[in-house]
């Protein structure tokens, strides 16, 4: 996502630039210290995401946003949360209060990515009545000579062990001879995420984040160090208090 930062504070621009550069699906195309400078970017370049400071000289972020006929996805930033209501009336995606932590920024960025992906999707034709879409709420596997049904809402996590995959479900554990990558397409995001090279976890079932480990019921699932921030943000969903 092509990202533009607008903030009159140099340190704020530098900090937000560093955050953007840490997220692989964001591309920093420039920074601007005021609305007039930002207009030059918007006129000459495609912008997918606007990180817009509310409190700026000459023209505020809110007033600047009102002048845009077809604004990109907007995340407002400010030290004063009292502007949140007015911002949401302008259909901004999210609101970050300074000082902004990377965790809060990543949560907002993931929301923006989800919104961006939805906007990129073309409307699909309604399925014909005589050609119903397959039910993807479950699949079957061969396990110990039996054919077992794995219901996605009951699946806790999957663990790869060489050429086998162990499926841990609310009914119990089932083992199938197949590579872990073969089932990734059957496990839809954002509910299911590959948190480690050997594990795919159902994030809706996570009860505790303990360092680089997820607790799912009585099970402990490791998370790769380079993924823990992203996985934590997906689990928390902006609902962390305090």
Protein backbone atom coordinates (compact mmCIF):
# COMPACT_ATOMS: atom_id res chain seq x y z
CA UNK A 1 0.00 0.00 0.00
CA UNK A 2 1.47 3.34 -1.09
CA UNK A 3 1.60 5.42 2.10
CA UNK A 4 1.90 9.18 2.62
CA UNK A 5 2.66 10.72 6.04
CA UNK A 6 1.46 14.27 6.80
CA UNK A 7 2.69 15.78 10.07
CA UNK A 8 4.22 19.17 10.92
CA UNK A 9 6.56 17.66 13.54
CA UNK A 10 9.87 16.30 12.10
CA UNK A 11 10.31 13.74 14.90
CA UNK A 12 6.75 12.48 14.38
CA UNK A 13 7.37 12.09 10.64
CA UNK A 14 10.61 10.24 11.34
CA UNK A 15 8.96 7.90 13.85
CA UNK A 16 6.00 7.10 11.60
CA UNK A 17 8.36 6.56 8.65
CA UNK A 18 10.27 4.00 10.69
CA UNK A 19 7.02 2.20 11.56
CA UNK A 20 5.90 2.13 7.92
CA UNK A 21 9.25 0.72 6.79
CA UNK A 22 8.88 -2.16 9.27
CA UNK A 23 5.59 -3.36 7.73
CA UNK A 24 6.12 -5.37 4.55
CA UNK A 25 2.78 -4.52 2.91
CA UNK A 26 3.31 -0.75 3.28
CA UNK A 27 5.43 1.39 0.93
CA UNK A 28 6.42 4.88 2.05
CA UNK A 29 6.14 7.19 -0.99
CA UNK A 30 6.79 10.41 0.91
CA UNK A 31 6.23 12.71 3.87
CA UNK A 32 4.73 16.20 4.03
CA UNK A 33 4.86 18.82 6.76
CA UNK A 34 1.54 20.46 5.86
CA UNK A 35 -1.57 20.06 3.73
CA UNK A 36 -0.26 22.16 0.83
CA UNK A 37 2.80 19.98 0.42
CA UNK A 38 0.61 16.87 0.68
CA UNK A 39 -1.56 18.07 -2.21
CA UNK A 40 1.44 17.85 -4.53
CA UNK A 41 1.77 14.13 -3.75
CA UNK A 42 -1.95 13.47 -4.12
CA UNK A 43 -2.06 15.24 -7.50
CA UNK A 44 0.96 13.48 -8.96
CA UNK A 45 1.04 10.04 -7.31
CA UNK A 46 -1.30 7.25 -6.41
CA UNK A 47 -1.81 7.10 -2.63
CA UNK A 48 -3.52 4.17 -0.93
CA UNK A 49 -3.06 5.15 2.74
CA UNK A 50 -2.86 8.58 4.37
CA UNK A 51 -1.37 8.93 7.87
CA UNK A 52 -2.75 12.36 8.68
CA UNK A 53 -1.95 14.53 11.69
CA UNK A 54 -4.94 16.54 12.93
CA UNK A 55 -3.12 19.50 14.51
CA UNK A 56 -1.18 21.36 11.82
CA UNK A 57 -0.60 25.04 10.97
CA UNK A 58 -2.39 26.81 8.09
CA UNK A 59 -5.01 24.09 7.71
CA UNK A 60 -5.86 21.29 10.13
CA UNK A 61 -5.91 17.66 9.11
CA UNK A 62 -9.70 17.58 9.52
CA UNK A 63 -10.22 20.62 7.29
CA UNK A 64 -7.77 19.25 4.74
CA UNK A 65 -9.63 15.94 4.66
CA UNK A 66 -12.89 17.79 3.96
CA UNK A 67 -11.36 19.25 0.78
CA UNK A 68 -10.59 15.82 -0.74
CA UNK A 69 -13.27 14.50 -3.07
CA UNK A 70 -12.00 10.92 -3.24
CA UNK A 71 -9.62 10.48 -0.29
CA UNK A 72 -7.59 7.29 0.14
CA UNK A 73 -7.84 5.21 3.29
CA UNK A 74 -7.14 7.60 6.19
CA UNK A 75 -5.70 6.99 9.66
CA UNK A 76 -5.69 10.13 11.82
CA UNK A 77 -2.91 10.85 14.33
CA UNK A 78 -3.01 13.43 17.11
CA UNK A 79 -2.26 14.08 20.76
CA UNK A 80 -5.88 15.14 21.35
CA UNK A 81 -8.48 12.33 21.21
CA UNK A 82 -11.35 14.84 21.31
CA UNK A 83 -11.16 15.04 17.50
CA UNK A 84 -12.06 11.37 17.09
CA UNK A 85 -15.82 11.83 16.62
CA UNK A 86 -15.44 14.42 13.87
CA UNK A 87 -12.87 12.24 12.16
CA UNK A 88 -15.15 9.22 12.11
CA UNK A 89 -17.90 11.36 10.57
CA UNK A 90 -15.51 11.77 7.64
CA UNK A 91 -15.19 7.96 7.32
CA UNK A 92 -11.61 7.72 8.54
CA UNK A 93 -10.55 4.14 9.13
CA UNK A 94 -8.85 4.57 12.50
CA UNK A 95 -7.51 7.04 15.03
CA UNK A 96 -4.10 6.88 16.74
CA UNK A 97 -3.33 8.96 19.83
CA UNK A 98 0.25 10.15 20.32
CA UNK A 99 2.65 8.91 21.54
CA UNK A 100 1.93 6.04 19.14
CA UNK A 101 3.33 2.59 19.93
CA UNK A 102 4.31 0.20 17.16
CA UNK A 103 1.71 -2.30 18.38
CA UNK A 104 -1.09 0.27 18.01
CA UNK A 105 0.26 1.32 14.62
CA UNK A 106 0.44 -2.28 13.39
CA UNK A 107 -3.15 -2.93 14.48
CA UNK A 108 -4.32 0.07 12.44
CA UNK A 109 -2.14 -0.92 9.49
CA UNK A 110 -3.68 -4.39 9.44
CA UNK A 111 -7.15 -2.82 9.42
CA UNK A 112 -6.08 -0.68 6.49
CA UNK A 113 -4.73 -3.72 4.63
CA UNK A 114 -8.00 -5.57 5.13
CA UNK A 115 -9.99 -2.56 3.89
CA UNK A 116 -7.63 -2.10 0.93
CA UNK A 117 -7.99 -5.75 -0.08
CA UNK A 118 -11.78 -5.50 0.08
CA UNK A 119 -11.74 -2.41 -2.13
CA UNK A 120 -9.55 -4.20 -4.68
CA UNK A 121 -11.93 -7.10 -5.04
CA UNK A 122 -14.28 -6.95 -8.01
CA UNK A 123 -17.93 -7.87 -7.38
CA UNK A 124 -18.45 -11.47 -8.32
CA UNK A 125 -21.49 -12.74 -10.13
CA UNK A 126 -24.11 -14.48 -8.02
CA UNK A 127 -23.63 -18.27 -8.12
CA UNK A 128 -26.10 -20.15 -10.28
CA UNK A 129 -28.76 -22.02 -8.35
CA UNK A 130 -27.82 -25.25 -10.10
CA UNK A 131 -24.13 -24.76 -9.26
CA UNK A 132 -23.96 -24.05 -5.52
CA UNK A 133 -20.66 -23.04 -3.94
CA UNK A 134 -18.91 -25.75 -1.92
CA UNK A 135 -19.18 -25.62 1.85
CA UNK A 136 -15.75 -24.61 3.15
CA UNK A 137 -16.62 -24.84 6.83
CA UNK A 138 -15.04 -28.32 7.02
CA UNK A 139 -12.88 -30.85 5.18
CA UNK A 140 -12.05 -34.56 5.49
CA UNK A 141 -8.71 -36.27 6.14
CA UNK A 142 -7.49 -39.87 6.21
CA UNK A 143 -6.37 -40.69 9.75
CA UNK A 144 -5.41 -44.14 11.04
CA UNK A 145 -7.45 -45.94 8.41
CA UNK A 146 -10.53 -43.78 8.98
CA UNK A 147 -11.97 -40.76 7.17
CA UNK A 148 -12.33 -37.98 9.73
CA UNK A 149 -14.28 -34.74 9.35
CA UNK A 150 -12.40 -31.63 10.52
CA UNK A 151 -14.77 -28.75 11.29
CA UNK A 152 -12.96 -25.40 11.12
CA UNK A 153 -14.81 -23.97 14.10
CA UNK A 154 -13.55 -26.91 16.19
CA UNK A 155 -9.94 -26.89 14.96
CA UNK A 156 -7.48 -25.50 17.53
CA UNK A 157 -4.23 -25.72 15.56
CA UNK A 158 -2.27 -27.88 13.13
CA UNK A 159 1.29 -29.05 13.69
CA UNK A 160 3.65 -30.37 10.99
CA UNK A 161 5.90 -33.33 11.82
CA UNK A 162 8.04 -34.29 8.80
CA UNK A 163 5.51 -35.60 6.22
CA UNK A 164 2.62 -35.70 8.67
CA UNK A 165 0.23 -33.10 10.08
CA UNK A 166 -1.35 -33.41 13.52
CA UNK A 167 -4.76 -31.75 13.75
CA UNK A 168 -5.69 -30.77 17.31
CA UNK A 169 -9.47 -30.30 17.55
CA UNK A 170 -12.09 -30.05 20.26
CA UNK A 171 -12.86 -33.74 19.53
CA UNK A 172 -9.25 -34.82 19.85
CA UNK A 173 -6.05 -35.27 17.84
CA UNK A 174 -5.99 -36.64 14.28
CA UNK A 175 -2.91 -37.34 12.16
CA UNK A 176 -2.79 -37.29 8.36
CA UNK A 177 -0.05 -38.00 5.82
CA UNK A 178 0.26 -34.70 3.90
CA UNK A 179 2.39 -31.53 3.88
CA UNK A 180 1.30 -28.59 6.02
CA UNK A 181 1.26 -26.28 2.98
CA UNK A 182 -1.47 -28.42 1.39
CA UNK A 183 -4.02 -27.44 4.02
CA UNK A 184 -3.25 -23.71 4.20
CA UNK A 185 -5.77 -22.98 1.43
CA UNK A 186 -8.44 -24.80 3.45
CA UNK A 187 -7.77 -22.65 6.54
CA UNK A 188 -8.99 -19.11 5.82
CA UNK A 189 -7.29 -15.99 7.16
CA UNK A 190 -7.49 -14.03 9.37
CA UNK A 191 -8.85 -16.76 11.67
CA UNK A 192 -6.06 -19.21 10.81
CA UNK A 193 -2.48 -17.95 10.58
CA UNK A 194 0.82 -19.74 10.07
CA UNK A 195 2.50 -18.54 13.25
CA UNK A 196 5.57 -20.77 12.86
CA UNK A 197 7.07 -22.85 10.06
CA UNK A 198 5.51 -25.92 11.69
CA UNK A 199 2.27 -24.50 13.13
CA UNK A 200 -0.99 -22.97 11.90
CA UNK A 201 -3.13 -21.63 14.76
CA UNK A 202 -6.80 -20.73 15.10
CA UNK A 203 -6.39 -17.24 16.58
CA UNK A 204 -10.02 -17.20 17.75
CA UNK A 205 -9.16 -20.01 20.18
CA UNK A 206 -6.17 -18.25 21.80
CA UNK A 207 -6.73 -17.45 25.48
CA UNK A 208 -3.26 -16.20 26.48
CA UNK A 209 -0.15 -14.71 24.86
CA UNK A 210 2.87 -15.71 26.91
CA UNK A 211 6.01 -14.25 25.32
CA UNK A 212 6.48 -16.13 22.04
CA UNK A 213 3.89 -18.76 22.97
CA UNK A 214 0.13 -18.94 22.44
CA UNK A 215 -2.06 -20.80 24.90
CA UNK A 216 -5.00 -22.57 23.27
CA UNK A 217 -6.85 -24.47 25.95
CA UNK A 218 -4.24 -26.73 27.55
CA UNK A 219 -1.96 -26.56 24.50
CA UNK A 220 1.08 -24.31 23.98
CA UNK A 221 1.83 -23.19 20.42
CA UNK A 222 5.17 -21.46 19.62
CA UNK A 223 5.31 -18.31 17.47
CA UNK A 224 8.31 -17.29 15.36
CA UNK A 225 10.09 -14.23 16.76
CA UNK A 226 9.66 -12.31 13.50
CA UNK A 227 5.90 -12.90 13.58
CA UNK A 228 4.99 -12.34 17.23
CA UNK A 229 4.18 -8.61 16.83
CA UNK A 230 1.88 -9.20 13.83
CA UNK A 231 0.21 -12.26 15.41
CA UNK A 232 -0.33 -10.43 18.73
CA UNK A 233 -1.92 -7.48 16.92
CA UNK A 234 -4.31 -9.80 15.07
CA UNK A 235 -5.33 -11.52 18.30
CA UNK A 236 -5.77 -8.33 20.31
CA UNK A 237 -7.68 -6.56 17.55
CA UNK A 238 -7.23 -3.19 19.23
CA UNK A 239 -9.04 -4.39 22.38
CA UNK A 240 -6.09 -4.25 24.80
CA UNK A 241 -7.02 -2.11 27.80
CA UNK A 242 -4.39 -0.30 29.81
